[in-house]
Structure formats: C-alpha cells, structure tokens
PDB file of N, CA and C in Angstrom:
ATOM      1  N   MET A   1      -2.457  -3.612  12.332  1.00  0.00           N
ATOM      2  CA  MET A   1      -2.862  -4.167  13.800  1.00  0.00           C
ATOM      3  C   MET A   1      -3.390  -2.595  14.102  1.00  0.00           C
ATOM      4  N   PHE A   2      -4.488  -2.477  14.707  1.00  0.00           N
ATOM      5  CA  PHE A   2      -4.744  -1.428  15.874  1.00  0.00           C
ATOM      6  C   PHE A   2      -5.382  -2.029  17.342  1.00  0.00           C
ATOM      7  N   GLY A   3      -4.527  -1.302  18.400  1.00  0.00           N
ATOM      8  CA  GLY A   3      -5.216  -1.541  19.587  1.00  0.00           C
ATOM      9  C   GLY A   3      -6.376  -0.408  20.170  1.00  0.00           C
ATOM     10  N   ASP A   4      -6.959  -1.018  21.164  1.00  0.00           N
ATOM     11  CA  ASP A   4      -8.116   0.095  21.813  1.00  0.00           C
ATOM     12  C   ASP A   4      -7.368   0.510  23.143  1.00  0.00           C
ATOM     13  N   ASP A   5      -8.254   1.471  23.877  1.00  0.00           N
ATOM     14  CA  ASP A   5      -7.376   2.123  24.684  1.00  0.00           C
ATOM     15  C   ASP A   5      -6.996   0.947  26.174  1.00  0.00           C
ATOM     16  N   ASN A   6      -7.411  -0.075  26.285  1.00  0.00           N
ATOM     17  CA  ASN A   6      -6.171  -0.729  27.268  1.00  0.00           C
ATOM     18  C   ASN A   6      -5.297  -1.570  26.733  1.00  0.00           C
ATOM     19  N   GLY A   7      -5.302  -1.020  25.149  1.00  0.00           N
ATOM     20  CA  GLY A   7      -3.438  -2.006  24.968  1.00  0.00           C
ATOM     21  C   GLY A   7      -4.068  -3.739  24.169  1.00  0.00           C
ATOM     22  N   LYS A   8      -5.269  -3.908  24.230  1.00  0.00           N
ATOM     23  CA  LYS A   8      -5.784  -5.091  23.167  1.00  0.00           C
ATOM     24  C   LYS A   8      -6.374  -4.648  21.574  1.00  0.00           C
ATOM     25  N   LEU A   9      -5.725  -5.744  21.299  1.00  0.00           N
ATOM     26  CA  LEU A   9      -5.859  -6.009  19.722  1.00  0.00           C
ATOM     27  C   LEU A   9      -7.685  -5.840  19.408  1.00  0.00           C
ATOM     28  N   ARG A  10      -7.800  -5.044  18.430  1.00  0.00           N
ATOM     29  CA  ARG A  10      -9.008  -5.133  18.120  1.00  0.00           C
ATOM     30  C   ARG A  10      -8.862  -5.776  16.377  1.00  0.00           C
ATOM     31  N   SER A  11     -10.793  -5.881  16.902  1.00  0.00           N
ATOM     32  CA  SER A  11     -11.024  -7.952  15.568  1.00  0.00           C
ATOM     33  C   SER A  11     -10.756  -6.703  14.316  1.00  0.00           C
ATOM     34  N   PRO A  12     -10.075  -7.347  13.272  1.00  0.00           N
ATOM     35  CA  PRO A  12     -10.315  -6.834  12.134  1.00  0.00           C
ATOM     36  C   PRO A  12     -11.687  -6.325  11.324  1.00  0.00           C
ATOM     37  N   ASP A  13     -12.778  -6.584  11.671  1.00  0.00           N
ATOM     38  CA  ASP A  13     -13.837  -6.493  11.457  1.00  0.00           C
ATOM     39  C   ASP A  13     -14.235  -4.994  12.321  1.00  0.00           C
ATOM     40  N   ALA A  14     -14.112  -5.189  13.374  1.00  0.00           N
ATOM     41  CA  ALA A  14     -14.570  -3.716  13.809  1.00  0.00           C
ATOM     42  C   ALA A  14     -14.254  -2.721  13.454  1.00  0.00           C
ATOM     43  N   MET A  15     -12.785  -3.247  12.939  1.00  0.00           N
ATOM     44  CA  MET A  15     -11.612  -1.809  12.787  1.00  0.00           C
ATOM     45  C   MET A  15     -12.134  -1.029  11.431  1.00  0.00           C
ATOM     46  N   THR A  16     -12.579  -2.146  10.661  1.00  0.00           N
ATOM     47  CA  THR A  16     -13.005  -1.713   9.505  1.00  0.00           C
ATOM     48  C   THR A  16     -14.171  -1.112   9.103  1.00  0.00           C
ATOM     49  N   SER A  17     -14.930  -1.621  10.243  1.00  0.00           N
ATOM     50  CA  SER A  17     -16.102  -0.994  10.653  1.00  0.00           C
ATOM     51  C   SER A  17     -15.816   0.225  10.753  1.00  0.00           C
ATOM     52  N   ARG A  18     -15.468   0.546  11.911  1.00  0.00           N
ATOM     53  CA  ARG A  18     -15.267   1.911  12.008  1.00  0.00           C
ATOM     54  C   ARG A  18     -14.434   2.532  10.958  1.00  0.00           C
ATOM     55  N   TRP A  19     -13.534   2.419  10.877  1.00  0.00           N
ATOM     56  CA  TRP A  19     -12.325   2.915   9.677  1.00  0.00           C
ATOM     57  C   TRP A  19     -13.812   3.872   8.815  1.00  0.00           C
ATOM     58  N   ASP A  20     -14.221   2.507   8.131  1.00  0.00           N
ATOM     59  CA  ASP A  20     -15.770   2.958   7.331  1.00  0.00           C
ATOM     60  C   ASP A  20     -16.684   4.140   7.595  1.00  0.00           C
ATOM     61  N   ARG A  21     -16.990   3.956   9.037  1.00  0.00           N
ATOM     62  CA  ARG A  21     -17.908   5.356   9.409  1.00  0.00           C
ATOM     63  C   ARG A  21     -16.654   6.429   9.153  1.00  0.00           C
ATOM     64  N   ARG A  22     -15.988   6.529   9.710  1.00  0.00           N
ATOM     65  CA  ARG A  22     -15.234   7.698   9.939  1.00  0.00           C
ATOM     66  C   ARG A  22     -14.792   8.147   8.362  1.00  0.00           C
ATOM     67  N   MET A  23     -14.831   7.301   7.532  1.00  0.00           N
ATOM     68  CA  MET A  23     -14.597   7.949   6.140  1.00  0.00           C
ATOM     69  C   MET A  23     -15.752   8.325   5.514  1.00  0.00           C
ATOM     70  N   LYS A  24     -16.983   8.339   6.007  1.00  0.00           N
ATOM     71  CA  LYS A  24     -17.778   7.912   5.359  1.00  0.00           C
ATOM     72  C   LYS A  24     -18.451   9.809   5.986  1.00  0.00           C
ATOM     73  N   TRP A  25     -18.201   9.679   7.145  1.00  0.00           N
ATOM     74  CA  TRP A  25     -18.163  11.349   7.348  1.00  0.00           C
ATOM     75  C   TRP A  25     -17.674  12.228   7.112  1.00  0.00           C
ATOM     76  N   LEU A  26     -15.965  12.155   6.713  1.00  0.00           N
ATOM     77  CA  LEU A  26     -15.162  13.066   6.474  1.00  0.00           C
ATOM     78  C   LEU A  26     -15.265  13.309   4.865  1.00  0.00           C
ATOM     79  N   THR A  27     -15.815  12.270   4.044  1.00  0.00           N
ATOM     80  CA  THR A  27     -16.386  12.053   2.341  1.00  0.00           C
ATOM     81  C   THR A  27     -17.484  13.146   2.383  1.00  0.00           C
ATOM     82  N   THR A  28     -18.270  13.029   3.601  1.00  0.00           N
ATOM     83  CA  THR A  28     -19.859  14.006   3.167  1.00  0.00           C
ATOM     84  C   THR A  28     -19.294  15.521   3.615  1.00  0.00           C
ATOM     85  N   LYS A  29     -18.547  15.469   4.545  1.00  0.00           N
ATOM     86  CA  LYS A  29     -18.202  16.995   5.023  1.00  0.00           C
ATOM     87  C   LYS A  29     -17.076  17.714   4.092  1.00  0.00           C
ATOM     88  N   ASN A  30     -16.308  17.279   3.008  1.00  0.00           N
ATOM     89  CA  ASN A  30     -15.362  17.414   1.969  1.00  0.00           C
ATOM     90  C   ASN A  30     -15.750  17.030   0.898  1.00  0.00           C
ATOM     91  N   ASP A  31     -16.100  17.390  -0.194  1.00  0.00           N
ATOM     92  CA  ASP A  31     -16.600  17.136  -1.190  1.00  0.00           C
ATOM     93  C   ASP A  31     -15.093  16.423  -2.402  1.00  0.00           C
ATOM     94  N   SER A  32     -14.410  16.918  -2.136  1.00  0.00           N
ATOM     95  CA  SER A  32     -13.103  16.451  -3.021  1.00  0.00           C
ATOM     96  C   SER A  32     -12.597  15.863  -2.428  1.00  0.00           C
ATOM     97  N   MET A  33     -12.938  14.942  -1.139  1.00  0.00           N
ATOM     98  CA  MET A  33     -11.891  13.906  -0.682  1.00  0.00           C
ATOM     99  C   MET A  33     -12.596  12.712  -0.992  1.00  0.00           C
ATOM    100  N   HIS A  34     -11.116  11.695  -1.446  1.00  0.00           N
ATOM    101  CA  HIS A  34     -11.620  10.774  -1.765  1.00  0.00           C
ATOM    102  C   HIS A  34     -12.011   9.524  -0.865  1.00  0.00           C
ATOM    103  N   ARG A  35     -13.114   8.406  -0.810  1.00  0.00           N
ATOM    104  CA  ARG A  35     -13.192   7.461   0.092  1.00  0.00           C
ATOM    105  C   ARG A  35     -11.540   6.268   0.399  1.00  0.00           C
ATOM    106  N   VAL A  36     -10.944   6.684   1.143  1.00  0.00           N
ATOM    107  CA  VAL A  36     -10.035   5.325   1.438  1.00  0.00           C
ATOM    108  C   VAL A  36     -10.208   4.462   2.094  1.00  0.00           C
ATOM    109  N   THR A  37      -9.944   2.671   1.740  1.00  0.00           N
ATOM    110  CA  THR A  37      -9.903   1.713   2.705  1.00  0.00           C
ATOM    111  C   THR A  37      -8.849   1.167   3.210  1.00  0.00           C
ATOM    112  N   ILE A  38      -9.161   0.532   4.378  1.00  0.00           N
ATOM    113  CA  ILE A  38      -7.819   0.174   5.129  1.00  0.00           C
ATOM    114  C   ILE A  38      -6.809  -0.800   4.063  1.00  0.00           C
ATOM    115  N   LYS A  39      -7.997  -1.472   3.038  1.00  0.00           N
ATOM    116  CA  LYS A  39      -7.295  -2.695   1.964  1.00  0.00           C
ATOM    117  C   LYS A  39      -6.419  -1.284   0.771  1.00  0.00           C
ATOM    118  N   GLY A  40      -6.896  -0.656   0.610  1.00  0.00           N
ATOM    119  CA  GLY A  40      -6.722   0.209  -0.273  1.00  0.00           C
ATOM    120  C   GLY A  40      -5.100   1.013   0.809  1.00  0.00           C
ATOM    121  N   LEU A  41      -5.275   0.974   1.531  1.00  0.00           N
ATOM    122  CA  LEU A  41      -4.084   1.765   2.259  1.00  0.00           C
ATOM    123  C   LEU A  41      -2.567   0.351   2.068  1.00  0.00           C
ATOM    124  N   ARG A  42      -3.219  -0.790   2.874  1.00  0.00           N
ATOM    125  CA  ARG A  42      -2.117  -2.107   2.466  1.00  0.00           C
ATOM    126  C   ARG A  42      -1.273  -1.802   0.935  1.00  0.00           C
ATOM    127  N   HIS A  43      -2.526  -1.698  -0.384  1.00  0.00           N
ATOM    128  CA  HIS A  43      -1.853  -1.478  -1.531  1.00  0.00           C
ATOM    129  C   HIS A  43      -0.992  -0.232  -1.869  1.00  0.00           C
ATOM    130  N   THR A  44      -1.231   0.757  -0.994  1.00  0.00           N
ATOM    131  CA  THR A  44      -0.295   2.218  -1.053  1.00  0.00           C
ATOM    132  C   THR A  44       0.926   1.807  -0.485  1.00  0.00           C
ATOM    133  N   HIS A  45       0.764   1.029   1.120  1.00  0.00           N
ATOM    134  CA  HIS A  45       2.154   0.737   1.587  1.00  0.00           C
ATOM    135  C   HIS A  45       3.265  -0.167   0.614  1.00  0.00           C
ATOM    136  N   ALA A  46       2.533  -1.138   0.184  1.00  0.00           N
ATOM    137  CA  ALA A  46       3.307  -2.210  -0.646  1.00  0.00           C
ATOM    138  C   ALA A  46       4.042  -1.584  -2.082  1.00  0.00           C
ATOM    139  N   THR A  47       3.185  -0.633  -2.747  1.00  0.00           N
ATOM    140  CA  THR A  47       3.317  -0.164  -3.883  1.00  0.00           C
ATOM    141  C   THR A  47       4.519   1.212  -3.303  1.00  0.00           C
ATOM    142  N   LEU A  48       4.467   1.583  -1.618  1.00  0.00           N
ATOM    143  CA  LEU A  48       5.764   2.615  -1.706  1.00  0.00           C
ATOM    144  C   LEU A  48       6.565   1.958  -1.602  1.00  0.00           C
ATOM    145  N   LEU A  49       7.227   1.085  -0.769  1.00  0.00           N
ATOM    146  CA  LEU A  49       7.964   0.378  -0.425  1.00  0.00           C
ATOM    147  C   LEU A  49       8.587  -0.287  -1.502  1.00  0.00           C
ATOM    148  N   LEU A  50       7.670  -1.101  -2.777  1.00  0.00           N
ATOM    149  CA  LEU A  50       8.543  -1.340  -3.657  1.00  0.00           C
ATOM    150  C   LEU A  50       8.925  -0.073  -4.545  1.00  0.00           C
ATOM    151  N   GLU A  51       8.378   1.260  -4.655  1.00  0.00           N
ATOM    152  CA  GLU A  51       8.731   2.364  -5.361  1.00  0.00           C
ATOM    153  C   GLU A  51      10.149   2.739  -4.701  1.00  0.00           C
ATOM    154  N   LEU A  52      10.433   2.326  -3.383  1.00  0.00           N
ATOM    155  CA  LEU A  52      11.354   2.923  -2.845  1.00  0.00           C
ATOM    156  C   LEU A  52      12.792   1.982  -2.648  1.00  0.00           C
ATOM    157  N   GLY A  53      12.657   1.017  -3.366  1.00  0.00           N
ATOM    158  CA  GLY A  53      13.596  -0.209  -4.049  1.00  0.00           C
ATOM    159  C   GLY A  53      13.904  -1.339  -2.849  1.00  0.00           C
ATOM    160  N   GLU A  54      12.680  -1.220  -1.799  1.00  0.00           N
ATOM    161  CA  GLU A  54      12.793  -2.369  -0.861  1.00  0.00           C
ATOM    162  C   GLU A  54      12.537  -4.043  -1.514  1.00  0.00           C
ATOM    163  N   HIS A  55      13.094  -4.548  -1.135  1.00  0.00           N
ATOM    164  CA  HIS A  55      12.846  -6.426  -1.459  1.00  0.00           C
ATOM    165  C   HIS A  55      11.620  -6.680  -1.347  1.00  0.00           C
ATOM    166  N   PRO A  56      11.158  -7.090  -2.699  1.00  0.00           N
ATOM    167  CA  PRO A  56       9.582  -7.865  -2.776  1.00  0.00           C
ATOM    168  C   PRO A  56       9.695  -8.605  -1.736  1.00  0.00           C
ATOM    169  N   LYS A  57      10.269  -9.507  -1.064  1.00  0.00           N
ATOM    170  CA  LYS A  57      10.267 -11.093  -0.022  1.00  0.00           C
ATOM    171  C   LYS A  57       9.970  -9.992   1.327  1.00  0.00           C
ATOM    172  N   VAL A  58      10.516  -8.733   1.418  1.00  0.00           N
ATOM    173  CA  VAL A  58      10.051  -8.161   2.716  1.00  0.00           C
ATOM    174  C   VAL A  58       8.628  -7.186   2.688  1.00  0.00           C
ATOM    175  N   VAL A  59       8.590  -7.021   1.626  1.00  0.00           N
ATOM    176  CA  VAL A  59       6.818  -6.489   1.902  1.00  0.00           C
ATOM    177  C   VAL A  59       6.547  -7.795   1.709  1.00  0.00           C
ATOM    178  N   GLN A  60       6.707  -8.721   1.278  1.00  0.00           N
ATOM    179  CA  GLN A  60       5.575  -9.584   1.430  1.00  0.00           C
ATOM    180  C   GLN A  60       5.340  -9.881   2.934  1.00  0.00           C
ATOM    181  N   GLU A  61       6.735  -9.741   3.569  1.00  0.00           N
ATOM    182  CA  GLU A  61       6.266 -10.428   4.965  1.00  0.00           C
ATOM    183  C   GLU A  61       5.874  -9.333   5.708  1.00  0.00           C
ATOM    184  N   ARG A  62       6.211  -8.024   5.461  1.00  0.00           N
ATOM    185  CA  ARG A  62       4.896  -7.151   6.121  1.00  0.00           C
ATOM    186  C   ARG A  62       3.833  -6.755   5.951  1.00  0.00           C
ATOM    187  N   LEU A  63       3.062  -7.852   4.933  1.00  0.00           N
ATOM    188  CA  LEU A  63       1.641  -7.854   4.480  1.00  0.00           C
ATOM    189  C   LEU A  63       1.364  -9.204   4.951  1.00  0.00           C
ATOM    190  N   GLY A  64       2.346 -10.018   6.048  1.00  0.00           N
ATOM    191  CA  GLY A  64       1.811 -11.205   6.229  1.00  0.00           C
ATOM    192  C   GLY A  64       1.656 -12.244   4.592  1.00  0.00           C
ATOM    193  N   HIS A  65       1.977 -11.663   3.679  1.00  0.00           N
ATOM    194  CA  HIS A  65       1.027 -12.985   2.365  1.00  0.00           C
ATOM    195  C   HIS A  65       2.285 -14.222   2.221  1.00  0.00           C
ATOM    196  N   SER A  66       1.679 -15.096   2.314  1.00  0.00           N
ATOM    197  CA  SER A  66       2.122 -16.609   2.442  1.00  0.00           C
ATOM    198  C   SER A  66       2.639 -16.597   1.050  1.00  0.00           C
ATOM    199  N   THR A  67       2.700 -16.177  -0.327  1.00  0.00           N
ATOM    200  CA  THR A  67       2.907 -15.820  -1.026  1.00  0.00           C
ATOM    201  C   THR A  67       3.806 -14.712  -2.123  1.00  0.00           C
ATOM    202  N   ILE A  68       4.637 -14.810  -2.414  1.00  0.00           N
ATOM    203  CA  ILE A  68       5.068 -13.777  -3.308  1.00  0.00           C
ATOM    204  C   ILE A  68       4.055 -12.889  -4.496  1.00  0.00           C
ATOM    205  N   THR A  69       3.756 -14.200  -4.772  1.00  0.00           N
ATOM    206  CA  THR A  69       2.802 -13.958  -6.007  1.00  0.00           C
ATOM    207  C   THR A  69       1.795 -13.290  -5.512  1.00  0.00           C
ATOM    208  N   THR A  70       0.804 -13.150  -4.707  1.00  0.00           N
ATOM    209  CA  THR A  70      -0.167 -12.320  -4.166  1.00  0.00           C
ATOM    210  C   THR A  70       0.156 -10.533  -3.844  1.00  0.00           C
ATOM    211  N   THR A  71       1.784 -10.336  -2.974  1.00  0.00           N
ATOM    212  CA  THR A  71       2.138  -9.264  -3.187  1.00  0.00           C
ATOM    213  C   THR A  71       2.405  -8.749  -4.342  1.00  0.00           C
ATOM    214  N   MET A  72       2.696  -9.350  -5.357  1.00  0.00           N
ATOM    215  CA  MET A  72       3.792  -8.865  -6.449  1.00  0.00           C
ATOM    216  C   MET A  72       2.045  -8.219  -7.996  1.00  0.00           C
ATOM    217  N   ASN A  73       1.681  -9.835  -7.779  1.00  0.00           N
ATOM    218  CA  ASN A  73       0.252  -9.359  -8.613  1.00  0.00           C
ATOM    219  C   ASN A  73      -1.171  -8.710  -8.283  1.00  0.00           C
ATOM    220  N   ILE A  74      -0.920  -8.484  -6.806  1.00  0.00           N
ATOM    221  CA  ILE A  74      -2.481  -8.255  -6.441  1.00  0.00           C
ATOM    222  C   ILE A  74      -1.818  -6.782  -5.697  1.00  0.00           C
ATOM    223  N   TYR A  75      -1.167  -6.958  -4.627  1.00  0.00           N
ATOM    224  CA  TYR A  75      -0.630  -5.335  -3.741  1.00  0.00           C
ATOM    225  C   TYR A  75      -0.023  -4.473  -4.322  1.00  0.00           C
ATOM    226  N   SER A  76       0.960  -4.599  -5.208  1.00  0.00           N
ATOM    227  CA  SER A  76       1.912  -3.688  -6.009  1.00  0.00           C
ATOM    228  C   SER A  76       1.530  -3.317  -7.233  1.00  0.00           C
ATOM    229  N   HIS A  77       1.568  -2.106  -7.223  1.00  0.00           N
ATOM    230  CA  HIS A  77       1.243  -1.367  -9.007  1.00  0.00           C
ATOM    231  C   HIS A  77       2.330  -0.472  -9.206  1.00  0.00           C
ATOM    232  N   VAL A  78       2.464  -0.484 -10.362  1.00  0.00           N
ATOM    233  CA  VAL A  78       3.256  -0.117 -11.175  1.00  0.00           C
ATOM    234  C   VAL A  78       3.308   1.994 -11.068  1.00  0.00           C
ATOM    235  N   THR A  79       4.171   2.859 -10.376  1.00  0.00           N
ATOM    236  CA  THR A  79       3.817   4.024 -10.482  1.00  0.00           C
ATOM    237  C   THR A  79       4.591   4.478 -11.603  1.00  0.00           C
ATOM    238  N   PRO A  80       4.038   6.067 -12.166  1.00  0.00           N
ATOM    239  CA  PRO A  80       4.799   6.665 -13.096  1.00  0.00           C
ATOM    240  C   PRO A  80       6.245   7.139 -12.874  1.00  0.00           C
ATOM    241  N   THR A  81       6.756   7.021 -11.287  1.00  0.00           N
ATOM    242  CA  THR A  81       8.164   7.174 -10.804  1.00  0.00           C
ATOM    243  C   THR A  81       8.793   5.902 -11.463  1.00  0.00           C
ATOM    244  N   MET A  82       8.523   4.743 -10.683  1.00  0.00           N
ATOM    245  CA  MET A  82       9.116   3.270 -11.092  1.00  0.00           C
ATOM    246  C   MET A  82       9.212   3.324 -12.509  1.00  0.00           C
ATOM    247  N   GLN A  83       7.936   3.581 -13.964  1.00  0.00           N
ATOM    248  CA  GLN A  83       8.557   3.499 -15.041  1.00  0.00           C
ATOM    249  C   GLN A  83       9.999   4.903 -15.389  1.00  0.00           C
ATOM    250  N   ARG A  84       9.462   5.669 -14.823  1.00  0.00           N
ATOM    251  CA  ARG A  84      10.636   6.854 -15.055  1.00  0.00           C
ATOM    252  C   ARG A  84      11.462   6.009 -14.706  1.00  0.00           C
ATOM    253  N   SER A  85      11.992   5.601 -13.363  1.00  0.00           N
ATOM    254  CA  SER A  85      13.471   5.045 -12.749  1.00  0.00           C
ATOM    255  C   SER A  85      13.943   4.208 -13.980  1.00  0.00           C
ATOM    256  N   ALA A  86      12.455   3.197 -14.647  1.00  0.00           N
ATOM    257  CA  ALA A  86      13.825   2.380 -16.123  1.00  0.00           C
ATOM    258  C   ALA A  86      13.853   2.414 -16.710  1.00  0.00           C
ATOM    259  N   VAL A  87      12.821   3.705 -17.044  1.00  0.00           N
ATOM    260  CA  VAL A  87      13.589   4.420 -18.428  1.00  0.00           C
ATOM    261  C   VAL A  87      15.207   5.366 -18.397  1.00  0.00           C
ATOM    262  N   ASP A  88      15.110   5.841 -17.219  1.00  0.00           N
ATOM    263  CA  ASP A  88      16.713   6.256 -16.758  1.00  0.00           C
ATOM    264  C   ASP A  88      17.614   4.865 -16.476  1.00  0.00           C
ATOM    265  N   ARG A  89      16.990   4.212 -15.947  1.00  0.00           N
ATOM    266  CA  ARG A  89      18.384   3.172 -15.803  1.00  0.00           C
ATOM    267  C   ARG A  89      18.779   2.333 -16.778  1.00  0.00           C
ATOM    268  N   PHE A  90      17.666   2.704 -17.719  1.00  0.00           N
ATOM    269  CA  PHE A  90      17.833   1.490 -19.059  1.00  0.00           C
ATOM    270  C   PHE A  90      18.774   2.887 -19.953  1.00  0.00           C
ATOM    271  N   ALA A  91      18.426   4.209 -20.355  1.00  0.00           N
ATOM    272  CA  ALA A  91      19.253   5.281 -20.754  1.00  0.00           C
ATOM    273  C   ALA A  91      20.472   5.117 -20.617  1.00  0.00           C
ATOM    274  N   ALA A  92      20.687   4.848 -19.058  1.00  0.00           N
ATOM    275  CA  ALA A  92      22.274   4.994 -18.702  1.00  0.00           C
ATOM    276  C   ALA A  92      23.242   3.706 -18.662  1.00  0.00           C
ATOM    277  N   HIS A  93      22.614   2.762 -18.718  1.00  0.00           N
ATOM    278  CA  HIS A  93      23.102   1.353 -19.723  1.00  0.00           C
ATOM    279  C   HIS A  93      23.412   1.400 -21.024  1.00  0.00           C
ATOM    280  N   LEU A  94      22.758   1.728 -21.601  1.00  0.00           N
ATOM    281  CA  LEU A  94      22.687   1.820 -23.069  1.00  0.00           C
ATOM    282  C   LEU A  94      23.771   3.077 -23.579  1.00  0.00           C
ATOM    283  N   GLY A  95      24.102   3.930 -22.704  1.00  0.00           N
ATOM    284  CA  GLY A  95      25.389   5.168 -22.708  1.00  0.00           C
ATOM    285  C   GLY A  95      26.261   4.447 -22.074  1.00  0.00           C
ATOM    286  N   LYS A  96      26.699   3.491 -21.808  1.00  0.00           N
ATOM    287  CA  LYS A  96      27.648   2.847 -21.322  1.00  0.00           C
ATOM    288  C   LYS A  96      28.293   1.787 -22.101  1.00  0.00           C
ATOM    289  N   ALA A  97      27.017   1.379 -23.112  1.00  0.00           N
ATOM    290  CA  ALA A  97      27.808   0.501 -24.288  1.00  0.00           C
ATOM    291  C   ALA A  97      28.719   1.103 -25.135  1.00  0.00           C
TER     292      ALA A  97
END
C-alpha cells in the first residue's frame, strides 16, 4: 500500500502505472538493470520471509491471500539457500543416528 502526499491511499492501478514508468526510465538509463515489477516484489517478499524461517501462515496473511495454496504454490520459490539448508539439516540428522 502506498500513500500520496496527503496521506490518502493510491489506487493499485495508479501505483502500478507509476512504478512501470519509473522502471522503464531506469532500465533505459542502465543496460545492466533488470526490470522489476510490483508483483515481482511480492514474490521476493514471500520467498525471503520463508527463507528466513517465517511461518507460511504469517506470509499468507502479510500478502492478503485467502488460501495458503496461493502463497506456497504461486508466490514462494525455492532458493539455493533453502536447498543448502535442507541438505545441511538432513546431514546433521543422519549424523545423529
């Protein structure tokens, strides 16, 4: 949610349009910069929270999803850090046997 100078909420469409214009300007000025969307930021937010160990239901609520399925199957992504952590935990578990 984004506010204007008067503290009123901006409409999602207005914010997306504004964001897209600024990203287009930035990416034309800098060839190495990749275009980022607001939706992409939501995916990143969800993934990083899960990577940090946040409970999936908390992430679901933060994103405003009605079902955990949307959060887990669409917005979260498995990162190399998550894969490495799973390998390390599994190896530690085997070492205890």
